[in-house]
Amino acid sequence: RVPEGTSPLPWALGVHIQGEEWAV
């Protein structure tokens, strides 16, 4: 799930970095 305005959809595919952090 991504914050509103980050991506066209409310989710994005990403790569996990650590903890709860994702690169999208």
PDBML (XML) file of the C-alpha atoms, coordinates in Angstrom:
<?xml version="1.0" encoding="UTF-8" ?>
<PDBx:datablock datablockName="MODEL"
   xmlns:PDBx="http://pdbml.pdb.org/schema/pdbx-v50.xsd"
   xmlns:xsi="http://www.w3.org/2001/XMLSchema-instance"
   xsi:schemaLocation="http://pdbml.pdb.org/schema/pdbx-v50.xsd pdbx-v50.xsd">
   <PDBx:atom_siteCategory>
      <PDBx:atom_site id="1">
         <PDBx:B_iso_or_equiv>0.00</PDBx:B_iso_or_equiv>
         <PDBx:Cartn_x>0.000</PDBx:Cartn_x>
         <PDBx:Cartn_y>0.000</PDBx:Cartn_y>
         <PDBx:Cartn_z>0.000</PDBx:Cartn_z>
         <PDBx:auth_asym_id>A</PDBx:auth_asym_id>
         <PDBx:auth_atom_id>CA</PDBx:auth_atom_id>
         <PDBx:auth_comp_id>ARG</PDBx:auth_comp_id>
         <PDBx:auth_seq_id>1</PDBx:auth_seq_id>
         <PDBx:group_PDB>ATOM</PDBx:group_PDB>
         <PDBx:label_alt_id xsi:nil="true" />
         <PDBx:label_asym_id>A</PDBx:label_asym_id>
         <PDBx:label_atom_id>CA</PDBx:label_atom_id>
         <PDBx:label_comp_id>ARG</PDBx:label_comp_id>
         <PDBx:label_entity_id>1</PDBx:label_entity_id>
         <PDBx:label_seq_id>1</PDBx:label_seq_id>
         <PDBx:occupancy>1.00</PDBx:occupancy>
         <PDBx:pdbx_PDB_model_num>1</PDBx:pdbx_PDB_model_num>
         <PDBx:type_symbol>C</PDBx:type_symbol>
      </PDBx:atom_site>
      <PDBx:atom_site id="2">
         <PDBx:B_iso_or_equiv>0.00</PDBx:B_iso_or_equiv>
         <PDBx:Cartn_x>1.347</PDBx:Cartn_x>
         <PDBx:Cartn_y>3.425</PDBx:Cartn_y>
         <PDBx:Cartn_z>-0.886</PDBx:Cartn_z>
         <PDBx:auth_asym_id>A</PDBx:auth_asym_id>
         <PDBx:auth_atom_id>CA</PDBx:auth_atom_id>
         <PDBx:auth_comp_id>VAL</PDBx:auth_comp_id>
         <PDBx:auth_seq_id>2</PDBx:auth_seq_id>
         <PDBx:group_PDB>ATOM</PDBx:group_PDB>
         <PDBx:label_alt_id xsi:nil="true" />
         <PDBx:label_asym_id>A</PDBx:label_asym_id>
         <PDBx:label_atom_id>CA</PDBx:label_atom_id>
         <PDBx:label_comp_id>VAL</PDBx:label_comp_id>
         <PDBx:label_entity_id>1</PDBx:label_entity_id>
         <PDBx:label_seq_id>2</PDBx:label_seq_id>
         <PDBx:occupancy>1.00</PDBx:occupancy>
         <PDBx:pdbx_PDB_model_num>1</PDBx:pdbx_PDB_model_num>
         <PDBx:type_symbol>C</PDBx:type_symbol>
      </PDBx:atom_site>
      <PDBx:atom_site id="3">
         <PDBx:B_iso_or_equiv>0.00</PDBx:B_iso_or_equiv>
         <PDBx:Cartn_x>0.348</PDBx:Cartn_x>
         <PDBx:Cartn_y>6.917</PDBx:Cartn_y>
         <PDBx:Cartn_z>0.264</PDBx:Cartn_z>
         <PDBx:auth_asym_id>A</PDBx:auth_asym_id>
         <PDBx:auth_atom_id>CA</PDBx:auth_atom_id>
         <PDBx:auth_comp_id>PRO</PDBx:auth_comp_id>
         <PDBx:auth_seq_id>3</PDBx:auth_seq_id>
         <PDBx:group_PDB>ATOM</PDBx:group_PDB>
         <PDBx:label_alt_id xsi:nil="true" />
         <PDBx:label_asym_id>A</PDBx:label_asym_id>
         <PDBx:label_atom_id>CA</PDBx:label_atom_id>
         <PDBx:label_comp_id>PRO</PDBx:label_comp_id>
         <PDBx:label_entity_id>1</PDBx:label_entity_id>
         <PDBx:label_seq_id>3</PDBx:label_seq_id>
         <PDBx:occupancy>1.00</PDBx:occupancy>
         <PDBx:pdbx_PDB_model_num>1</PDBx:pdbx_PDB_model_num>
         <PDBx:type_symbol>C</PDBx:type_symbol>
      </PDBx:atom_site>
      <PDBx:atom_site id="4">
         <PDBx:B_iso_or_equiv>0.00</PDBx:B_iso_or_equiv>
         <PDBx:Cartn_x>-2.160</PDBx:Cartn_x>
         <PDBx:Cartn_y>8.720</PDBx:Cartn_y>
         <PDBx:Cartn_z>-1.940</PDBx:Cartn_z>
         <PDBx:auth_asym_id>A</PDBx:auth_asym_id>
         <PDBx:auth_atom_id>CA</PDBx:auth_atom_id>
         <PDBx:auth_comp_id>GLU</PDBx:auth_comp_id>
         <PDBx:auth_seq_id>4</PDBx:auth_seq_id>
         <PDBx:group_PDB>ATOM</PDBx:group_PDB>
         <PDBx:label_alt_id xsi:nil="true" />
         <PDBx:label_asym_id>A</PDBx:label_asym_id>
         <PDBx:label_atom_id>CA</PDBx:label_atom_id>
         <PDBx:label_comp_id>GLU</PDBx:label_comp_id>
         <PDBx:label_entity_id>1</PDBx:label_entity_id>
         <PDBx:label_seq_id>4</PDBx:label_seq_id>
         <PDBx:occupancy>1.00</PDBx:occupancy>
         <PDBx:pdbx_PDB_model_num>1</PDBx:pdbx_PDB_model_num>
         <PDBx:type_symbol>C</PDBx:type_symbol>
      </PDBx:atom_site>
      <PDBx:atom_site id="5">
         <PDBx:B_iso_or_equiv>0.00</PDBx:B_iso_or_equiv>
         <PDBx:Cartn_x>-0.397</PDBx:Cartn_x>
         <PDBx:Cartn_y>10.637</PDBx:Cartn_y>
         <PDBx:Cartn_z>-4.702</PDBx:Cartn_z>
         <PDBx:auth_asym_id>A</PDBx:auth_asym_id>
         <PDBx:auth_atom_id>CA</PDBx:auth_atom_id>
         <PDBx:auth_comp_id>GLY</PDBx:auth_comp_id>
         <PDBx:auth_seq_id>5</PDBx:auth_seq_id>
         <PDBx:group_PDB>ATOM</PDBx:group_PDB>
         <PDBx:label_alt_id xsi:nil="true" />
         <PDBx:label_asym_id>A</PDBx:label_asym_id>
         <PDBx:label_atom_id>CA</PDBx:label_atom_id>
         <PDBx:label_comp_id>GLY</PDBx:label_comp_id>
         <PDBx:label_entity_id>1</PDBx:label_entity_id>
         <PDBx:label_seq_id>5</PDBx:label_seq_id>
         <PDBx:occupancy>1.00</PDBx:occupancy>
         <PDBx:pdbx_PDB_model_num>1</PDBx:pdbx_PDB_model_num>
         <PDBx:type_symbol>C</PDBx:type_symbol>
      </PDBx:atom_site>
      <PDBx:atom_site id="6">
         <PDBx:B_iso_or_equiv>0.00</PDBx:B_iso_or_equiv>
         <PDBx:Cartn_x>2.595</PDBx:Cartn_x>
         <PDBx:Cartn_y>8.295</PDBx:Cartn_y>
         <PDBx:Cartn_z>-4.835</PDBx:Cartn_z>
         <PDBx:auth_asym_id>A</PDBx:auth_asym_id>
         <PDBx:auth_atom_id>CA</PDBx:auth_atom_id>
         <PDBx:auth_comp_id>THR</PDBx:auth_comp_id>
         <PDBx:auth_seq_id>6</PDBx:auth_seq_id>
         <PDBx:group_PDB>ATOM</PDBx:group_PDB>
         <PDBx:label_alt_id xsi:nil="true" />
         <PDBx:label_asym_id>A</PDBx:label_asym_id>
         <PDBx:label_atom_id>CA</PDBx:label_atom_id>
         <PDBx:label_comp_id>THR</PDBx:label_comp_id>
         <PDBx:label_entity_id>1</PDBx:label_entity_id>
         <PDBx:label_seq_id>6</PDBx:label_seq_id>
         <PDBx:occupancy>1.00</PDBx:occupancy>
         <PDBx:pdbx_PDB_model_num>1</PDBx:pdbx_PDB_model_num>
         <PDBx:type_symbol>C</PDBx:type_symbol>
      </PDBx:atom_site>
      <PDBx:atom_site id="7">
         <PDBx:B_iso_or_equiv>0.00</PDBx:B_iso_or_equiv>
         <PDBx:Cartn_x>1.295</PDBx:Cartn_x>
         <PDBx:Cartn_y>6.097</PDBx:Cartn_y>
         <PDBx:Cartn_z>-7.626</PDBx:Cartn_z>
         <PDBx:auth_asym_id>A</PDBx:auth_asym_id>
         <PDBx:auth_atom_id>CA</PDBx:auth_atom_id>
         <PDBx:auth_comp_id>SER</PDBx:auth_comp_id>
         <PDBx:auth_seq_id>7</PDBx:auth_seq_id>
         <PDBx:group_PDB>ATOM</PDBx:group_PDB>
         <PDBx:label_alt_id xsi:nil="true" />
         <PDBx:label_asym_id>A</PDBx:label_asym_id>
         <PDBx:label_atom_id>CA</PDBx:label_atom_id>
         <PDBx:label_comp_id>SER</PDBx:label_comp_id>
         <PDBx:label_entity_id>1</PDBx:label_entity_id>
         <PDBx:label_seq_id>7</PDBx:label_seq_id>
         <PDBx:occupancy>1.00</PDBx:occupancy>
         <PDBx:pdbx_PDB_model_num>1</PDBx:pdbx_PDB_model_num>
         <PDBx:type_symbol>C</PDBx:type_symbol>
      </PDBx:atom_site>
      <PDBx:atom_site id="8">
         <PDBx:B_iso_or_equiv>0.00</PDBx:B_iso_or_equiv>
         <PDBx:Cartn_x>-1.792</PDBx:Cartn_x>
         <PDBx:Cartn_y>5.867</PDBx:Cartn_y>
         <PDBx:Cartn_z>-9.875</PDBx:Cartn_z>
         <PDBx:auth_asym_id>A</PDBx:auth_asym_id>
         <PDBx:auth_atom_id>CA</PDBx:auth_atom_id>
         <PDBx:auth_comp_id>PRO</PDBx:auth_comp_id>
         <PDBx:auth_seq_id>8</PDBx:auth_seq_id>
         <PDBx:group_PDB>ATOM</PDBx:group_PDB>
         <PDBx:label_alt_id xsi:nil="true" />
         <PDBx:label_asym_id>A</PDBx:label_asym_id>
         <PDBx:label_atom_id>CA</PDBx:label_atom_id>
         <PDBx:label_comp_id>PRO</PDBx:label_comp_id>
         <PDBx:label_entity_id>1</PDBx:label_entity_id>
         <PDBx:label_seq_id>8</PDBx:label_seq_id>
         <PDBx:occupancy>1.00</PDBx:occupancy>
         <PDBx:pdbx_PDB_model_num>1</PDBx:pdbx_PDB_model_num>
         <PDBx:type_symbol>C</PDBx:type_symbol>
      </PDBx:atom_site>
      <PDBx:atom_site id="9">
         <PDBx:B_iso_or_equiv>0.00</PDBx:B_iso_or_equiv>
         <PDBx:Cartn_x>-3.154</PDBx:Cartn_x>
         <PDBx:Cartn_y>3.022</PDBx:Cartn_y>
         <PDBx:Cartn_z>-7.736</PDBx:Cartn_z>
         <PDBx:auth_asym_id>A</PDBx:auth_asym_id>
         <PDBx:auth_atom_id>CA</PDBx:auth_atom_id>
         <PDBx:auth_comp_id>LEU</PDBx:auth_comp_id>
         <PDBx:auth_seq_id>9</PDBx:auth_seq_id>
         <PDBx:group_PDB>ATOM</PDBx:group_PDB>
         <PDBx:label_alt_id xsi:nil="true" />
         <PDBx:label_asym_id>A</PDBx:label_asym_id>
         <PDBx:label_atom_id>CA</PDBx:label_atom_id>
         <PDBx:label_comp_id>LEU</PDBx:label_comp_id>
         <PDBx:label_entity_id>1</PDBx:label_entity_id>
         <PDBx:label_seq_id>9</PDBx:label_seq_id>
         <PDBx:occupancy>1.00</PDBx:occupancy>
         <PDBx:pdbx_PDB_model_num>1</PDBx:pdbx_PDB_model_num>
         <PDBx:type_symbol>C</PDBx:type_symbol>
      </PDBx:atom_site>
      <PDBx:atom_site id="10">
         <PDBx:B_iso_or_equiv>0.00</PDBx:B_iso_or_equiv>
         <PDBx:Cartn_x>-3.335</PDBx:Cartn_x>
         <PDBx:Cartn_y>2.650</PDBx:Cartn_y>
         <PDBx:Cartn_z>-3.940</PDBx:Cartn_z>
         <PDBx:auth_asym_id>A</PDBx:auth_asym_id>
         <PDBx:auth_atom_id>CA</PDBx:auth_atom_id>
         <PDBx:auth_comp_id>PRO</PDBx:auth_comp_id>
         <PDBx:auth_seq_id>10</PDBx:auth_seq_id>
         <PDBx:group_PDB>ATOM</PDBx:group_PDB>
         <PDBx:label_alt_id xsi:nil="true" />
         <PDBx:label_asym_id>A</PDBx:label_asym_id>
         <PDBx:label_atom_id>CA</PDBx:label_atom_id>
         <PDBx:label_comp_id>PRO</PDBx:label_comp_id>
         <PDBx:label_entity_id>1</PDBx:label_entity_id>
         <PDBx:label_seq_id>10</PDBx:label_seq_id>
         <PDBx:occupancy>1.00</PDBx:occupancy>
         <PDBx:pdbx_PDB_model_num>1</PDBx:pdbx_PDB_model_num>
         <PDBx:type_symbol>C</PDBx:type_symbol>
      </PDBx:atom_site>
      <PDBx:atom_site id="11">
         <PDBx:B_iso_or_equiv>0.00</PDBx:B_iso_or_equiv>
         <PDBx:Cartn_x>-0.649</PDBx:Cartn_x>
         <PDBx:Cartn_y>-0.057</PDBx:Cartn_y>
         <PDBx:Cartn_z>-4.128</PDBx:Cartn_z>
         <PDBx:auth_asym_id>A</PDBx:auth_asym_id>
         <PDBx:auth_atom_id>CA</PDBx:auth_atom_id>
         <PDBx:auth_comp_id>TRP</PDBx:auth_comp_id>
         <PDBx:auth_seq_id>11</PDBx:auth_seq_id>
         <PDBx:group_PDB>ATOM</PDBx:group_PDB>
         <PDBx:label_alt_id xsi:nil="true" />
         <PDBx:label_asym_id>A</PDBx:label_asym_id>
         <PDBx:label_atom_id>CA</PDBx:label_atom_id>
         <PDBx:label_comp_id>TRP</PDBx:label_comp_id>
         <PDBx:label_entity_id>1</PDBx:label_entity_id>
         <PDBx:label_seq_id>11</PDBx:label_seq_id>
         <PDBx:occupancy>1.00</PDBx:occupancy>
         <PDBx:pdbx_PDB_model_num>1</PDBx:pdbx_PDB_model_num>
         <PDBx:type_symbol>C</PDBx:type_symbol>
      </PDBx:atom_site>
      <PDBx:atom_site id="12">
         <PDBx:B_iso_or_equiv>0.00</PDBx:B_iso_or_equiv>
         <PDBx:Cartn_x>2.619</PDBx:Cartn_x>
         <PDBx:Cartn_y>-0.468</PDBx:Cartn_y>
         <PDBx:Cartn_z>-5.997</PDBx:Cartn_z>
         <PDBx:auth_asym_id>A</PDBx:auth_asym_id>
         <PDBx:auth_atom_id>CA</PDBx:auth_atom_id>
         <PDBx:auth_comp_id>ALA</PDBx:auth_comp_id>
         <PDBx:auth_seq_id>12</PDBx:auth_seq_id>
         <PDBx:group_PDB>ATOM</PDBx:group_PDB>
         <PDBx:label_alt_id xsi:nil="true" />
         <PDBx:label_asym_id>A</PDBx:label_asym_id>
         <PDBx:label_atom_id>CA</PDBx:label_atom_id>
         <PDBx:label_comp_id>ALA</PDBx:label_comp_id>
         <PDBx:label_entity_id>1</PDBx:label_entity_id>
         <PDBx:label_seq_id>12</PDBx:label_seq_id>
         <PDBx:occupancy>1.00</PDBx:occupancy>
         <PDBx:pdbx_PDB_model_num>1</PDBx:pdbx_PDB_model_num>
         <PDBx:type_symbol>C</PDBx:type_symbol>
      </PDBx:atom_site>
      <PDBx:atom_site id="13">
         <PDBx:B_iso_or_equiv>0.00</PDBx:B_iso_or_equiv>
         <PDBx:Cartn_x>4.919</PDBx:Cartn_x>
         <PDBx:Cartn_y>-3.367</PDBx:Cartn_y>
         <PDBx:Cartn_z>-6.655</PDBx:Cartn_z>
         <PDBx:auth_asym_id>A</PDBx:auth_asym_id>
         <PDBx:auth_atom_id>CA</PDBx:auth_atom_id>
         <PDBx:auth_comp_id>LEU</PDBx:auth_comp_id>
         <PDBx:auth_seq_id>13</PDBx:auth_seq_id>
         <PDBx:group_PDB>ATOM</PDBx:group_PDB>
         <PDBx:label_alt_id xsi:nil="true" />
         <PDBx:label_asym_id>A</PDBx:label_asym_id>
         <PDBx:label_atom_id>CA</PDBx:label_atom_id>
         <PDBx:label_comp_id>LEU</PDBx:label_comp_id>
         <PDBx:label_entity_id>1</PDBx:label_entity_id>
         <PDBx:label_seq_id>13</PDBx:label_seq_id>
         <PDBx:occupancy>1.00</PDBx:occupancy>
         <PDBx:pdbx_PDB_model_num>1</PDBx:pdbx_PDB_model_num>
         <PDBx:type_symbol>C</PDBx:type_symbol>
      </PDBx:atom_site>
      <PDBx:atom_site id="14">
         <PDBx:B_iso_or_equiv>0.00</PDBx:B_iso_or_equiv>
         <PDBx:Cartn_x>8.185</PDBx:Cartn_x>
         <PDBx:Cartn_y>-2.836</PDBx:Cartn_y>
         <PDBx:Cartn_z>-4.874</PDBx:Cartn_z>
         <PDBx:auth_asym_id>A</PDBx:auth_asym_id>
         <PDBx:auth_atom_id>CA</PDBx:auth_atom_id>
         <PDBx:auth_comp_id>GLY</PDBx:auth_comp_id>
         <PDBx:auth_seq_id>14</PDBx:auth_seq_id>
         <PDBx:group_PDB>ATOM</PDBx:group_PDB>
         <PDBx:label_alt_id xsi:nil="true" />
         <PDBx:label_asym_id>A</PDBx:label_asym_id>
         <PDBx:label_atom_id>CA</PDBx:label_atom_id>
         <PDBx:label_comp_id>GLY</PDBx:label_comp_id>
         <PDBx:label_entity_id>1</PDBx:label_entity_id>
         <PDBx:label_seq_id>14</PDBx:label_seq_id>
         <PDBx:occupancy>1.00</PDBx:occupancy>
         <PDBx:pdbx_PDB_model_num>1</PDBx:pdbx_PDB_model_num>
         <PDBx:type_symbol>C</PDBx:type_symbol>
      </PDBx:atom_site>
      <PDBx:atom_site id="15">
         <PDBx:B_iso_or_equiv>0.00</PDBx:B_iso_or_equiv>
         <PDBx:Cartn_x>11.312</PDBx:Cartn_x>
         <PDBx:Cartn_y>-4.455</PDBx:Cartn_y>
         <PDBx:Cartn_z>-3.524</PDBx:Cartn_z>
         <PDBx:auth_asym_id>A</PDBx:auth_asym_id>
         <PDBx:auth_atom_id>CA</PDBx:auth_atom_id>
         <PDBx:auth_comp_id>VAL</PDBx:auth_comp_id>
         <PDBx:auth_seq_id>15</PDBx:auth_seq_id>
         <PDBx:group_PDB>ATOM</PDBx:group_PDB>
         <PDBx:label_alt_id xsi:nil="true" />
         <PDBx:label_asym_id>A</PDBx:label_asym_id>
         <PDBx:label_atom_id>CA</PDBx:label_atom_id>
         <PDBx:label_comp_id>VAL</PDBx:label_comp_id>
         <PDBx:label_entity_id>1</PDBx:label_entity_id>
         <PDBx:label_seq_id>15</PDBx:label_seq_id>
         <PDBx:occupancy>1.00</PDBx:occupancy>
         <PDBx:pdbx_PDB_model_num>1</PDBx:pdbx_PDB_model_num>
         <PDBx:type_symbol>C</PDBx:type_symbol>
      </PDBx:atom_site>
      <PDBx:atom_site id="16">
         <PDBx:B_iso_or_equiv>0.00</PDBx:B_iso_or_equiv>
         <PDBx:Cartn_x>11.620</PDBx:Cartn_x>
         <PDBx:Cartn_y>-4.992</PDBx:Cartn_y>
         <PDBx:Cartn_z>0.212</PDBx:Cartn_z>
         <PDBx:auth_asym_id>A</PDBx:auth_asym_id>
         <PDBx:auth_atom_id>CA</PDBx:auth_atom_id>
         <PDBx:auth_comp_id>HIS</PDBx:auth_comp_id>
         <PDBx:auth_seq_id>16</PDBx:auth_seq_id>
         <PDBx:group_PDB>ATOM</PDBx:group_PDB>
         <PDBx:label_alt_id xsi:nil="true" />
         <PDBx:label_asym_id>A</PDBx:label_asym_id>
         <PDBx:label_atom_id>CA</PDBx:label_atom_id>
         <PDBx:label_comp_id>HIS</PDBx:label_comp_id>
         <PDBx:label_entity_id>1</PDBx:label_entity_id>
         <PDBx:label_seq_id>16</PDBx:label_seq_id>
         <PDBx:occupancy>1.00</PDBx:occupancy>
         <PDBx:pdbx_PDB_model_num>1</PDBx:pdbx_PDB_model_num>
         <PDBx:type_symbol>C</PDBx:type_symbol>
      </PDBx:atom_site>
      <PDBx:atom_site id="17">
         <PDBx:B_iso_or_equiv>0.00</PDBx:B_iso_or_equiv>
         <PDBx:Cartn_x>14.529</PDBx:Cartn_x>
         <PDBx:Cartn_y>-3.191</PDBx:Cartn_y>
         <PDBx:Cartn_z>1.851</PDBx:Cartn_z>
         <PDBx:auth_asym_id>A</PDBx:auth_asym_id>
         <PDBx:auth_atom_id>CA</PDBx:auth_atom_id>
         <PDBx:auth_comp_id>ILE</PDBx:auth_comp_id>
         <PDBx:auth_seq_id>17</PDBx:auth_seq_id>
         <PDBx:group_PDB>ATOM</PDBx:group_PDB>
         <PDBx:label_alt_id xsi:nil="true" />
         <PDBx:label_asym_id>A</PDBx:label_asym_id>
         <PDBx:label_atom_id>CA</PDBx:label_atom_id>
         <PDBx:label_comp_id>ILE</PDBx:label_comp_id>
         <PDBx:label_entity_id>1</PDBx:label_entity_id>
         <PDBx:label_seq_id>17</PDBx:label_seq_id>
         <PDBx:occupancy>1.00</PDBx:occupancy>
         <PDBx:pdbx_PDB_model_num>1</PDBx:pdbx_PDB_model_num>
         <PDBx:type_symbol>C</PDBx:type_symbol>
      </PDBx:atom_site>
      <PDBx:atom_site id="18">
         <PDBx:B_iso_or_equiv>0.00</PDBx:B_iso_or_equiv>
         <PDBx:Cartn_x>14.216</PDBx:Cartn_x>
         <PDBx:Cartn_y>-3.836</PDBx:Cartn_y>
         <PDBx:Cartn_z>5.591</PDBx:Cartn_z>
         <PDBx:auth_asym_id>A</PDBx:auth_asym_id>
         <PDBx:auth_atom_id>CA</PDBx:auth_atom_id>
         <PDBx:auth_comp_id>GLN</PDBx:auth_comp_id>
         <PDBx:auth_seq_id>18</PDBx:auth_seq_id>
         <PDBx:group_PDB>ATOM</PDBx:group_PDB>
         <PDBx:label_alt_id xsi:nil="true" />
         <PDBx:label_asym_id>A</PDBx:label_asym_id>
         <PDBx:label_atom_id>CA</PDBx:label_atom_id>
         <PDBx:label_comp_id>GLN</PDBx:label_comp_id>
         <PDBx:label_entity_id>1</PDBx:label_entity_id>
         <PDBx:label_seq_id>18</PDBx:label_seq_id>
         <PDBx:occupancy>1.00</PDBx:occupancy>
         <PDBx:pdbx_PDB_model_num>1</PDBx:pdbx_PDB_model_num>
         <PDBx:type_symbol>C</PDBx:type_symbol>
      </PDBx:atom_site>
      <PDBx:atom_site id="19">
         <PDBx:B_iso_or_equiv>0.00</PDBx:B_iso_or_equiv>
         <PDBx:Cartn_x>11.674</PDBx:Cartn_x>
         <PDBx:Cartn_y>-3.708</PDBx:Cartn_y>
         <PDBx:Cartn_z>8.406</PDBx:Cartn_z>
         <PDBx:auth_asym_id>A</PDBx:auth_asym_id>
         <PDBx:auth_atom_id>CA</PDBx:auth_atom_id>
         <PDBx:auth_comp_id>GLY</PDBx:auth_comp_id>
         <PDBx:auth_seq_id>19</PDBx:auth_seq_id>
         <PDBx:group_PDB>ATOM</PDBx:group_PDB>
         <PDBx:label_alt_id xsi:nil="true" />
         <PDBx:label_asym_id>A</PDBx:label_asym_id>
         <PDBx:label_atom_id>CA</PDBx:label_atom_id>
         <PDBx:label_comp_id>GLY</PDBx:label_comp_id>
         <PDBx:label_entity_id>1</PDBx:label_entity_id>
         <PDBx:label_seq_id>19</PDBx:label_seq_id>
         <PDBx:occupancy>1.00</PDBx:occupancy>
         <PDBx:pdbx_PDB_model_num>1</PDBx:pdbx_PDB_model_num>
         <PDBx:type_symbol>C</PDBx:type_symbol>
      </PDBx:atom_site>
      <PDBx:atom_site id="20">
         <PDBx:B_iso_or_equiv>0.00</PDBx:B_iso_or_equiv>
         <PDBx:Cartn_x>8.531</PDBx:Cartn_x>
         <PDBx:Cartn_y>-2.197</PDBx:Cartn_y>
         <PDBx:Cartn_z>6.890</PDBx:Cartn_z>
         <PDBx:auth_asym_id>A</PDBx:auth_asym_id>
         <PDBx:auth_atom_id>CA</PDBx:auth_atom_id>
         <PDBx:auth_comp_id>GLU</PDBx:auth_comp_id>
         <PDBx:auth_seq_id>20</PDBx:auth_seq_id>
         <PDBx:group_PDB>ATOM</PDBx:group_PDB>
         <PDBx:label_alt_id xsi:nil="true" />
         <PDBx:label_asym_id>A</PDBx:label_asym_id>
         <PDBx:label_atom_id>CA</PDBx:label_atom_id>
         <PDBx:label_comp_id>GLU</PDBx:label_comp_id>
         <PDBx:label_entity_id>1</PDBx:label_entity_id>
         <PDBx:label_seq_id>20</PDBx:label_seq_id>
         <PDBx:occupancy>1.00</PDBx:occupancy>
         <PDBx:pdbx_PDB_model_num>1</PDBx:pdbx_PDB_model_num>
         <PDBx:type_symbol>C</PDBx:type_symbol>
      </PDBx:atom_site>
      <PDBx:atom_site id="21">
         <PDBx:B_iso_or_equiv>0.00</PDBx:B_iso_or_equiv>
         <PDBx:Cartn_x>10.476</PDBx:Cartn_x>
         <PDBx:Cartn_y>-0.279</PDBx:Cartn_y>
         <PDBx:Cartn_z>4.206</PDBx:Cartn_z>
         <PDBx:auth_asym_id>A</PDBx:auth_asym_id>
         <PDBx:auth_atom_id>CA</PDBx:auth_atom_id>
         <PDBx:auth_comp_id>GLU</PDBx:auth_comp_id>
         <PDBx:auth_seq_id>21</PDBx:auth_seq_id>
         <PDBx:group_PDB>ATOM</PDBx:group_PDB>
         <PDBx:label_alt_id xsi:nil="true" />
         <PDBx:label_asym_id>A</PDBx:label_asym_id>
         <PDBx:label_atom_id>CA</PDBx:label_atom_id>
         <PDBx:label_comp_id>GLU</PDBx:label_comp_id>
         <PDBx:label_entity_id>1</PDBx:label_entity_id>
         <PDBx:label_seq_id>21</PDBx:label_seq_id>
         <PDBx:occupancy>1.00</PDBx:occupancy>
         <PDBx:pdbx_PDB_model_num>1</PDBx:pdbx_PDB_model_num>
         <PDBx:type_symbol>C</PDBx:type_symbol>
      </PDBx:atom_site>
      <PDBx:atom_site id="22">
         <PDBx:B_iso_or_equiv>0.00</PDBx:B_iso_or_equiv>
         <PDBx:Cartn_x>9.833</PDBx:Cartn_x>
         <PDBx:Cartn_y>-0.930</PDBx:Cartn_y>
         <PDBx:Cartn_z>0.517</PDBx:Cartn_z>
         <PDBx:auth_asym_id>A</PDBx:auth_asym_id>
         <PDBx:auth_atom_id>CA</PDBx:auth_atom_id>
         <PDBx:auth_comp_id>TRP</PDBx:auth_comp_id>
         <PDBx:auth_seq_id>22</PDBx:auth_seq_id>
         <PDBx:group_PDB>ATOM</PDBx:group_PDB>
         <PDBx:label_alt_id xsi:nil="true" />
         <PDBx:label_asym_id>A</PDBx:label_asym_id>
         <PDBx:label_atom_id>CA</PDBx:label_atom_id>
         <PDBx:label_comp_id>TRP</PDBx:label_comp_id>
         <PDBx:label_entity_id>1</PDBx:label_entity_id>
         <PDBx:label_seq_id>22</PDBx:label_seq_id>
         <PDBx:occupancy>1.00</PDBx:occupancy>
         <PDBx:pdbx_PDB_model_num>1</PDBx:pdbx_PDB_model_num>
         <PDBx:type_symbol>C</PDBx:type_symbol>
      </PDBx:atom_site>
      <PDBx:atom_site id="23">
         <PDBx:B_iso_or_equiv>0.00</PDBx:B_iso_or_equiv>
         <PDBx:Cartn_x>11.383</PDBx:Cartn_x>
         <PDBx:Cartn_y>0.705</PDBx:Cartn_y>
         <PDBx:Cartn_z>-2.545</PDBx:Cartn_z>
         <PDBx:auth_asym_id>A</PDBx:auth_asym_id>
         <PDBx:auth_atom_id>CA</PDBx:auth_atom_id>
         <PDBx:auth_comp_id>ALA</PDBx:auth_comp_id>
         <PDBx:auth_seq_id>23</PDBx:auth_seq_id>
         <PDBx:group_PDB>ATOM</PDBx:group_PDB>
         <PDBx:label_alt_id xsi:nil="true" />
         <PDBx:label_asym_id>A</PDBx:label_asym_id>
         <PDBx:label_atom_id>CA</PDBx:label_atom_id>
         <PDBx:label_comp_id>ALA</PDBx:label_comp_id>
         <PDBx:label_entity_id>1</PDBx:label_entity_id>
         <PDBx:label_seq_id>23</PDBx:label_seq_id>
         <PDBx:occupancy>1.00</PDBx:occupancy>
         <PDBx:pdbx_PDB_model_num>1</PDBx:pdbx_PDB_model_num>
         <PDBx:type_symbol>C</PDBx:type_symbol>
      </PDBx:atom_site>
      <PDBx:atom_site id="24">
         <PDBx:B_iso_or_equiv>0.00</PDBx:B_iso_or_equiv>
         <PDBx:Cartn_x>8.681</PDBx:Cartn_x>
         <PDBx:Cartn_y>1.534</PDBx:Cartn_y>
         <PDBx:Cartn_z>-5.094</PDBx:Cartn_z>
         <PDBx:auth_asym_id>A</PDBx:auth_asym_id>
         <PDBx:auth_atom_id>CA</PDBx:auth_atom_id>
         <PDBx:auth_comp_id>VAL</PDBx:auth_comp_id>
         <PDBx:auth_seq_id>24</PDBx:auth_seq_id>
         <PDBx:group_PDB>ATOM</PDBx:group_PDB>
         <PDBx:label_alt_id xsi:nil="true" />
         <PDBx:label_asym_id>A</PDBx:label_asym_id>
         <PDBx:label_atom_id>CA</PDBx:label_atom_id>
         <PDBx:label_comp_id>VAL</PDBx:label_comp_id>
         <PDBx:label_entity_id>1</PDBx:label_entity_id>
         <PDBx:label_seq_id>24</PDBx:label_seq_id>
         <PDBx:occupancy>1.00</PDBx:occupancy>
         <PDBx:pdbx_PDB_model_num>1</PDBx:pdbx_PDB_model_num>
         <PDBx:type_symbol>C</PDBx:type_symbol>
      </PDBx:atom_site>
   </PDBx:atom_siteCategory>
</PDBx:datablock>
